[in-house]
Amino acid sequence: QVQLVESGGGLVQAGGSLRLSCAASGHTFSIYAMGWFRQAPGKEREFVAAISWSTSSTYYADSVKGRFTISRDNAKNTVYLQMSGLKPEDTAVYYCAAIVAAYYSGSSVYTEHSYNYWGQGTQVTVSS
C-alpha cells in the first residue's frame, strides 16, 4: 500500500507560479514512477507530468512543456510539480499518482490506467 497526500494548491493570477508537493508513505520502496494528472470541470482527467523514481527520467504533456517541472526527493519520498507561467486553462484539480513496480506491465506513464495509487487532489485556480 502507498498513501499519497498532495499540498500546495491555491489561487494565483495568470503568469504566476505555484509548487505542488506530493508526499508518499507506506511501501514507498515499491514505487516505479510518480505522476501528476489534472481534471478541469466538465473534462476528463489528463496527464501532466511523470518522473521515474530510480532514473529521474521525466515526461511532460505538450501543454505544460517549458512551464512545469517535475522533480522528486527520494529521501523525503516526495514529488514536486513546479508550475510557472500559469494560464487560466491550467485551472483544475491536480492529482498525484504512483505506479508500483510489482504491478507495472510496461504500459505508458502517460496513461492514468498505469497508476495504482492516487492522492485526494488539490485545487489550482488561475485567474485572468
N, C-alpha and C. Protein backbone atom coordinates (compact mmCIF):
# COMPACT_ATOMS: atom_id res chain seq x y z
N GLN A 1 0.84 -1.19 0.00
CA GLN A 1 0.00 0.00 0.00
C GLN A 1 0.88 1.25 0.00
N VAL A 2 0.45 2.22 -0.78
CA VAL A 2 1.13 3.51 -0.83
C VAL A 2 0.07 4.58 -0.62
N GLN A 3 0.35 5.50 0.28
CA GLN A 3 -0.56 6.63 0.51
C GLN A 3 0.09 7.89 -0.05
N LEU A 4 -0.73 8.71 -0.69
CA LEU A 4 -0.25 9.93 -1.33
C LEU A 4 -1.06 11.12 -0.82
N VAL A 5 -0.37 12.18 -0.44
CA VAL A 5 -1.04 13.38 0.04
C VAL A 5 -0.47 14.59 -0.69
N GLU A 6 -1.33 15.27 -1.44
CA GLU A 6 -0.92 16.47 -2.17
C GLU A 6 -1.10 17.72 -1.30
N SER A 7 -0.32 18.72 -1.62
CA SER A 7 -0.46 20.03 -0.99
C SER A 7 0.10 21.09 -1.93
N GLY A 8 -0.21 22.34 -1.64
CA GLY A 8 0.37 23.44 -2.39
C GLY A 8 -0.55 24.11 -3.39
N GLY A 9 -1.76 23.60 -3.53
CA GLY A 9 -2.68 24.25 -4.45
C GLY A 9 -3.15 25.58 -3.92
N GLY A 10 -3.85 26.33 -4.77
CA GLY A 10 -4.37 27.61 -4.35
C GLY A 10 -4.80 28.45 -5.52
N LEU A 11 -5.01 29.73 -5.23
CA LEU A 11 -5.44 30.70 -6.23
C LEU A 11 -4.25 31.58 -6.62
N VAL A 12 -4.04 31.72 -7.92
CA VAL A 12 -2.92 32.51 -8.40
C VAL A 12 -3.34 33.26 -9.66
N GLN A 13 -2.74 34.40 -9.89
CA GLN A 13 -3.05 35.15 -11.10
C GLN A 13 -2.31 34.57 -12.30
N ALA A 14 -2.86 34.79 -13.46
CA ALA A 14 -2.21 34.32 -14.68
C ALA A 14 -0.78 34.87 -14.75
N GLY A 15 0.13 34.00 -15.16
CA GLY A 15 1.54 34.35 -15.21
C GLY A 15 2.29 34.02 -13.93
N GLY A 16 1.56 33.69 -12.90
CA GLY A 16 2.16 33.38 -11.61
C GLY A 16 2.69 31.96 -11.52
N SER A 17 3.14 31.61 -10.32
CA SER A 17 3.75 30.29 -10.09
C SER A 17 3.17 29.65 -8.83
N LEU A 18 3.20 28.33 -8.84
CA LEU A 18 2.84 27.54 -7.67
C LEU A 18 3.70 26.29 -7.66
N ARG A 19 3.95 25.75 -6.48
CA ARG A 19 4.62 24.46 -6.39
C ARG A 19 3.75 23.49 -5.63
N LEU A 20 3.41 22.41 -6.29
CA LEU A 20 2.66 21.34 -5.66
C LEU A 20 3.62 20.29 -5.09
N SER A 21 3.22 19.72 -3.98
CA SER A 21 4.01 18.65 -3.37
C SER A 21 3.12 17.42 -3.21
N CYS A 22 3.74 16.26 -3.28
CA CYS A 22 3.02 15.01 -3.05
C CYS A 22 3.91 14.13 -2.19
N ALA A 23 3.48 13.93 -0.96
CA ALA A 23 4.24 13.11 -0.03
C ALA A 23 3.71 11.67 -0.05
N ALA A 24 4.62 10.74 -0.27
CA ALA A 24 4.25 9.33 -0.30
C ALA A 24 4.64 8.66 1.01
N SER A 25 3.81 7.75 1.45
CA SER A 25 4.11 6.97 2.66
C SER A 25 3.66 5.53 2.43
N GLY A 26 4.06 4.68 3.33
CA GLY A 26 3.74 3.27 3.18
C GLY A 26 4.88 2.55 2.48
N HIS A 27 4.55 1.69 1.53
CA HIS A 27 5.55 0.89 0.81
C HIS A 27 6.20 1.69 -0.32
N THR A 28 6.87 2.77 0.05
CA THR A 28 7.45 3.66 -0.95
C THR A 28 8.60 3.00 -1.70
N PHE A 29 9.19 1.96 -1.14
CA PHE A 29 10.28 1.27 -1.81
C PHE A 29 9.80 0.58 -3.08
N SER A 30 8.48 0.40 -3.18
CA SER A 30 7.92 -0.31 -4.32
C SER A 30 7.54 0.60 -5.49
N ILE A 31 7.76 1.91 -5.32
CA ILE A 31 7.34 2.85 -6.36
C ILE A 31 8.25 2.77 -7.58
N TYR A 32 7.65 2.69 -8.74
CA TYR A 32 8.39 2.69 -10.01
C TYR A 32 8.43 4.09 -10.61
N ALA A 33 7.33 4.79 -10.55
CA ALA A 33 7.25 6.14 -11.10
C ALA A 33 6.10 6.87 -10.41
N MET A 34 6.15 8.19 -10.47
CA MET A 34 5.05 9.00 -9.96
C MET A 34 4.67 10.03 -10.99
N GLY A 35 3.43 10.39 -10.97
CA GLY A 35 2.95 11.33 -11.97
C GLY A 35 1.95 12.32 -11.40
N TRP A 36 1.71 13.34 -12.19
CA TRP A 36 0.66 14.33 -11.90
C TRP A 36 -0.36 14.31 -13.04
N PHE A 37 -1.60 14.32 -12.64
CA PHE A 37 -2.70 14.45 -13.59
C PHE A 37 -3.57 15.61 -13.13
N ARG A 38 -4.43 16.07 -14.00
CA ARG A 38 -5.35 17.13 -13.61
C ARG A 38 -6.70 16.92 -14.27
N GLN A 39 -7.71 17.46 -13.61
CA GLN A 39 -9.06 17.36 -14.14
C GLN A 39 -9.77 18.69 -13.97
N ALA A 40 -10.13 19.29 -15.07
CA ALA A 40 -10.88 20.54 -15.06
C ALA A 40 -12.37 20.22 -15.06
N PRO A 41 -13.20 21.16 -14.59
CA PRO A 41 -14.64 20.91 -14.56
C PRO A 41 -15.19 20.54 -15.93
N GLY A 42 -15.94 19.45 -15.98
CA GLY A 42 -16.55 19.02 -17.22
C GLY A 42 -15.62 18.35 -18.20
N LYS A 43 -14.38 18.12 -17.77
CA LYS A 43 -13.41 17.48 -18.67
C LYS A 43 -12.87 16.19 -18.05
N GLU A 44 -12.29 15.37 -18.89
CA GLU A 44 -11.69 14.14 -18.40
C GLU A 44 -10.32 14.45 -17.76
N ARG A 45 -9.91 13.56 -16.89
CA ARG A 45 -8.61 13.72 -16.26
C ARG A 45 -7.52 13.53 -17.32
N GLU A 46 -6.49 14.38 -17.26
CA GLU A 46 -5.44 14.33 -18.26
C GLU A 46 -4.06 14.30 -17.60
N PHE A 47 -3.13 13.70 -18.33
CA PHE A 47 -1.75 13.60 -17.89
C PHE A 47 -1.08 14.97 -17.90
N VAL A 48 -0.26 15.22 -16.88
CA VAL A 48 0.51 16.46 -16.82
C VAL A 48 2.01 16.18 -16.90
N ALA A 49 2.50 15.35 -15.99
CA ALA A 49 3.93 15.06 -15.94
C ALA A 49 4.16 13.78 -15.14
N ALA A 50 5.32 13.16 -15.38
CA ALA A 50 5.69 11.96 -14.62
C ALA A 50 7.20 11.90 -14.47
N ILE A 51 7.64 11.15 -13.47
CA ILE A 51 9.07 11.02 -13.21
C ILE A 51 9.37 9.60 -12.74
N SER A 52 10.44 9.05 -13.28
CA SER A 52 10.89 7.73 -12.84
C SER A 52 11.51 7.85 -11.45
N TRP A 53 11.15 6.92 -10.59
CA TRP A 53 11.65 7.00 -9.21
C TRP A 53 13.14 6.66 -9.13
N SER A 54 13.64 5.84 -10.04
CA SER A 54 15.04 5.42 -9.97
C SER A 54 15.97 6.23 -10.88
N THR A 55 15.49 6.58 -12.07
CA THR A 55 16.38 7.25 -13.03
C THR A 55 16.15 8.75 -13.13
N SER A 56 15.02 9.22 -12.57
CA SER A 56 14.63 10.62 -12.68
C SER A 56 14.30 11.04 -14.10
N SER A 57 14.09 10.10 -14.99
CA SER A 57 13.61 10.46 -16.32
C SER A 57 12.26 11.16 -16.16
N THR A 58 12.06 12.21 -16.95
CA THR A 58 10.82 12.98 -16.83
C THR A 58 10.02 12.97 -18.13
N TYR A 59 8.73 13.15 -17.98
CA TYR A 59 7.80 13.11 -19.10
C TYR A 59 6.78 14.23 -18.89
N TYR A 60 6.44 14.92 -19.98
CA TYR A 60 5.52 16.06 -19.87
C TYR A 60 4.46 16.02 -20.97
N ALA A 61 3.31 16.53 -20.62
CA ALA A 61 2.31 16.80 -21.64
C ALA A 61 2.76 18.01 -22.45
N ASP A 62 2.43 18.04 -23.72
CA ASP A 62 2.84 19.15 -24.58
C ASP A 62 2.34 20.49 -24.03
N SER A 63 1.18 20.47 -23.41
CA SER A 63 0.56 21.72 -22.94
C SER A 63 1.32 22.36 -21.79
N VAL A 64 2.20 21.63 -21.13
CA VAL A 64 2.92 22.19 -19.98
C VAL A 64 4.43 22.23 -20.18
N LYS A 65 4.92 21.68 -21.27
CA LYS A 65 6.37 21.68 -21.52
C LYS A 65 6.90 23.10 -21.51
N GLY A 66 8.01 23.27 -20.82
CA GLY A 66 8.64 24.57 -20.74
C GLY A 66 8.08 25.46 -19.64
N ARG A 67 6.95 25.05 -19.06
CA ARG A 67 6.34 25.85 -17.98
C ARG A 67 6.34 25.09 -16.65
N PHE A 68 6.16 23.79 -16.70
CA PHE A 68 6.10 22.98 -15.49
C PHE A 68 7.36 22.11 -15.39
N THR A 69 7.78 21.86 -14.15
CA THR A 69 8.92 20.98 -13.91
C THR A 69 8.57 20.00 -12.81
N ILE A 70 8.75 18.72 -13.10
CA ILE A 70 8.53 17.69 -12.08
C ILE A 70 9.88 17.27 -11.52
N SER A 71 9.92 17.06 -10.22
CA SER A 71 11.15 16.61 -9.58
C SER A 71 10.79 15.74 -8.39
N ARG A 72 11.79 15.08 -7.84
CA ARG A 72 11.49 14.23 -6.69
C ARG A 72 12.65 14.26 -5.72
N ASP A 73 12.30 14.04 -4.46
CA ASP A 73 13.28 13.94 -3.38
C ASP A 73 13.06 12.57 -2.75
N ASN A 74 13.90 11.63 -3.13
CA ASN A 74 13.70 10.26 -2.66
C ASN A 74 13.83 10.16 -1.15
N ALA A 75 14.71 10.96 -0.58
CA ALA A 75 14.92 10.91 0.87
C ALA A 75 13.65 11.31 1.62
N LYS A 76 12.88 12.20 1.02
CA LYS A 76 11.63 12.65 1.64
C LYS A 76 10.42 11.95 1.06
N ASN A 77 10.65 11.06 0.10
CA ASN A 77 9.54 10.36 -0.56
C ASN A 77 8.50 11.36 -1.08
N THR A 78 9.00 12.40 -1.69
CA THR A 78 8.13 13.48 -2.14
C THR A 78 8.42 13.82 -3.59
N VAL A 79 7.36 14.06 -4.33
CA VAL A 79 7.49 14.54 -5.71
C VAL A 79 6.88 15.93 -5.78
N TYR A 80 7.48 16.78 -6.59
CA TYR A 80 7.06 18.17 -6.70
C TYR A 80 6.65 18.48 -8.14
N LEU A 81 5.77 19.43 -8.26
CA LEU A 81 5.42 19.97 -9.57
C LEU A 81 5.53 21.48 -9.47
N GLN A 82 6.61 22.02 -10.03
CA GLN A 82 6.80 23.46 -10.06
C GLN A 82 6.10 23.99 -11.30
N MET A 83 5.13 24.86 -11.09
CA MET A 83 4.34 25.39 -12.19
C MET A 83 4.59 26.89 -12.31
N SER A 84 4.98 27.33 -13.48
CA SER A 84 5.20 28.75 -13.73
C SER A 84 4.49 29.13 -15.03
N GLY A 85 4.39 30.42 -15.24
CA GLY A 85 3.66 30.87 -16.43
C GLY A 85 2.25 30.33 -16.49
N LEU A 86 1.60 30.29 -15.33
CA LEU A 86 0.28 29.68 -15.25
C LEU A 86 -0.74 30.44 -16.08
N LYS A 87 -1.64 29.67 -16.67
CA LYS A 87 -2.70 30.20 -17.51
C LYS A 87 -4.05 29.81 -16.94
N PRO A 88 -5.10 30.56 -17.24
CA PRO A 88 -6.43 30.17 -16.75
C PRO A 88 -6.80 28.74 -17.12
N GLU A 89 -6.35 28.28 -18.27
CA GLU A 89 -6.67 26.91 -18.68
C GLU A 89 -5.94 25.84 -17.87
N ASP A 90 -5.03 26.25 -16.99
CA ASP A 90 -4.39 25.30 -16.08
C ASP A 90 -5.25 25.04 -14.85
N THR A 91 -6.34 25.78 -14.72
CA THR A 91 -7.24 25.60 -13.59
C THR A 91 -7.81 24.19 -13.59
N ALA A 92 -7.63 23.49 -12.47
CA ALA A 92 -8.08 22.10 -12.37
C ALA A 92 -7.78 21.58 -10.97
N VAL A 93 -8.30 20.41 -10.70
CA VAL A 93 -7.85 19.66 -9.53
C VAL A 93 -6.67 18.82 -9.98
N TYR A 94 -5.58 18.95 -9.28
CA TYR A 94 -4.35 18.23 -9.62
C TYR A 94 -4.19 17.01 -8.70
N TYR A 95 -3.96 15.87 -9.33
CA TYR A 95 -3.82 14.62 -8.61
C TYR A 95 -2.41 14.06 -8.77
N CYS A 96 -1.91 13.56 -7.67
CA CYS A 96 -0.65 12.83 -7.67
C CYS A 96 -0.98 11.34 -7.76
N ALA A 97 -0.13 10.59 -8.45
CA ALA A 97 -0.37 9.16 -8.59
C ALA A 97 0.94 8.39 -8.62
N ALA A 98 0.87 7.12 -8.25
CA ALA A 98 2.08 6.30 -8.19
C ALA A 98 1.88 4.98 -8.92
N ILE A 99 2.94 4.56 -9.59
CA ILE A 99 2.99 3.24 -10.21
C ILE A 99 3.86 2.36 -9.32
N VAL A 100 3.34 1.22 -8.96
CA VAL A 100 4.09 0.26 -8.15
C VAL A 100 4.78 -0.73 -9.08
N ALA A 101 6.06 -0.96 -8.83
CA ALA A 101 6.86 -1.78 -9.74
C ALA A 101 6.28 -3.19 -9.92
N ALA A 102 5.78 -3.76 -8.84
CA ALA A 102 5.29 -5.13 -8.90
C ALA A 102 4.06 -5.26 -9.81
N TYR A 103 3.35 -4.17 -9.98
CA TYR A 103 2.13 -4.21 -10.79
C TYR A 103 2.35 -3.65 -12.20
N TYR A 104 3.54 -3.15 -12.44
CA TYR A 104 3.77 -2.43 -13.69
C TYR A 104 4.00 -3.40 -14.85
N SER A 105 3.24 -3.21 -15.91
CA SER A 105 3.31 -4.11 -17.05
C SER A 105 4.02 -3.48 -18.24
N GLY A 106 4.59 -2.30 -18.04
CA GLY A 106 5.28 -1.63 -19.13
C GLY A 106 4.40 -0.69 -19.91
N SER A 107 3.19 -0.47 -19.47
CA SER A 107 2.29 0.46 -20.15
C SER A 107 2.79 1.89 -19.98
N SER A 108 2.23 2.78 -20.75
CA SER A 108 2.72 4.14 -20.81
C SER A 108 2.49 4.90 -19.51
N VAL A 109 3.49 5.66 -19.08
CA VAL A 109 3.33 6.50 -17.89
C VAL A 109 2.41 7.68 -18.18
N TYR A 110 2.07 7.88 -19.45
CA TYR A 110 1.17 8.96 -19.82
C TYR A 110 -0.30 8.58 -19.58
N THR A 111 -0.53 7.31 -19.30
CA THR A 111 -1.89 6.79 -19.19
C THR A 111 -2.28 6.58 -17.74
N GLU A 112 -3.42 7.10 -17.33
CA GLU A 112 -3.81 7.01 -15.92
C GLU A 112 -4.02 5.58 -15.49
N HIS A 113 -4.38 4.70 -16.41
CA HIS A 113 -4.64 3.32 -16.03
C HIS A 113 -3.36 2.58 -15.62
N SER A 114 -2.20 3.19 -15.88
CA SER A 114 -0.93 2.58 -15.46
C SER A 114 -0.67 2.77 -13.98
N TYR A 115 -1.39 3.69 -13.35
CA TYR A 115 -1.13 4.08 -11.97
C TYR A 115 -1.99 3.29 -11.00
N ASN A 116 -1.39 2.95 -9.87
CA ASN A 116 -2.05 2.09 -8.90
C ASN A 116 -2.61 2.82 -7.70
N TYR A 117 -2.00 3.95 -7.36
CA TYR A 117 -2.43 4.70 -6.18
C TYR A 117 -2.58 6.17 -6.54
N TRP A 118 -3.58 6.80 -5.91
CA TRP A 118 -3.91 8.20 -6.19
C TRP A 118 -4.08 8.98 -4.90
N GLY A 119 -3.70 10.26 -4.97
CA GLY A 119 -3.98 11.16 -3.88
C GLY A 119 -5.39 11.71 -4.00
N GLN A 120 -5.73 12.57 -3.05
CA GLN A 120 -7.10 13.09 -2.99
C GLN A 120 -7.29 14.31 -3.88
N GLY A 121 -6.20 14.88 -4.35
CA GLY A 121 -6.27 16.03 -5.25
C GLY A 121 -6.13 17.36 -4.51
N THR A 122 -5.63 18.34 -5.24
CA THR A 122 -5.52 19.69 -4.71
C THR A 122 -5.94 20.67 -5.80
N GLN A 123 -6.73 21.66 -5.41
CA GLN A 123 -7.29 22.60 -6.38
C GLN A 123 -6.29 23.67 -6.76
N VAL A 124 -6.14 23.90 -8.04
CA VAL A 124 -5.34 25.02 -8.56
C VAL A 124 -6.27 25.87 -9.39
N THR A 125 -6.37 27.16 -9.03
CA THR A 125 -7.22 28.08 -9.76
C THR A 125 -6.37 29.25 -10.25
N VAL A 126 -6.40 29.50 -11.55
CA VAL A 126 -5.63 30.58 -12.14
C VAL A 126 -6.61 31.62 -12.66
N SER A 127 -6.52 32.81 -12.10
CA SER A 127 -7.42 33.88 -12.51
C SER A 127 -6.80 34.70 -13.64
N SER A 128 -7.66 35.22 -14.51
CA SER A 128 -7.16 36.00 -15.66
C SER A 128 -7.05 37.47 -15.33
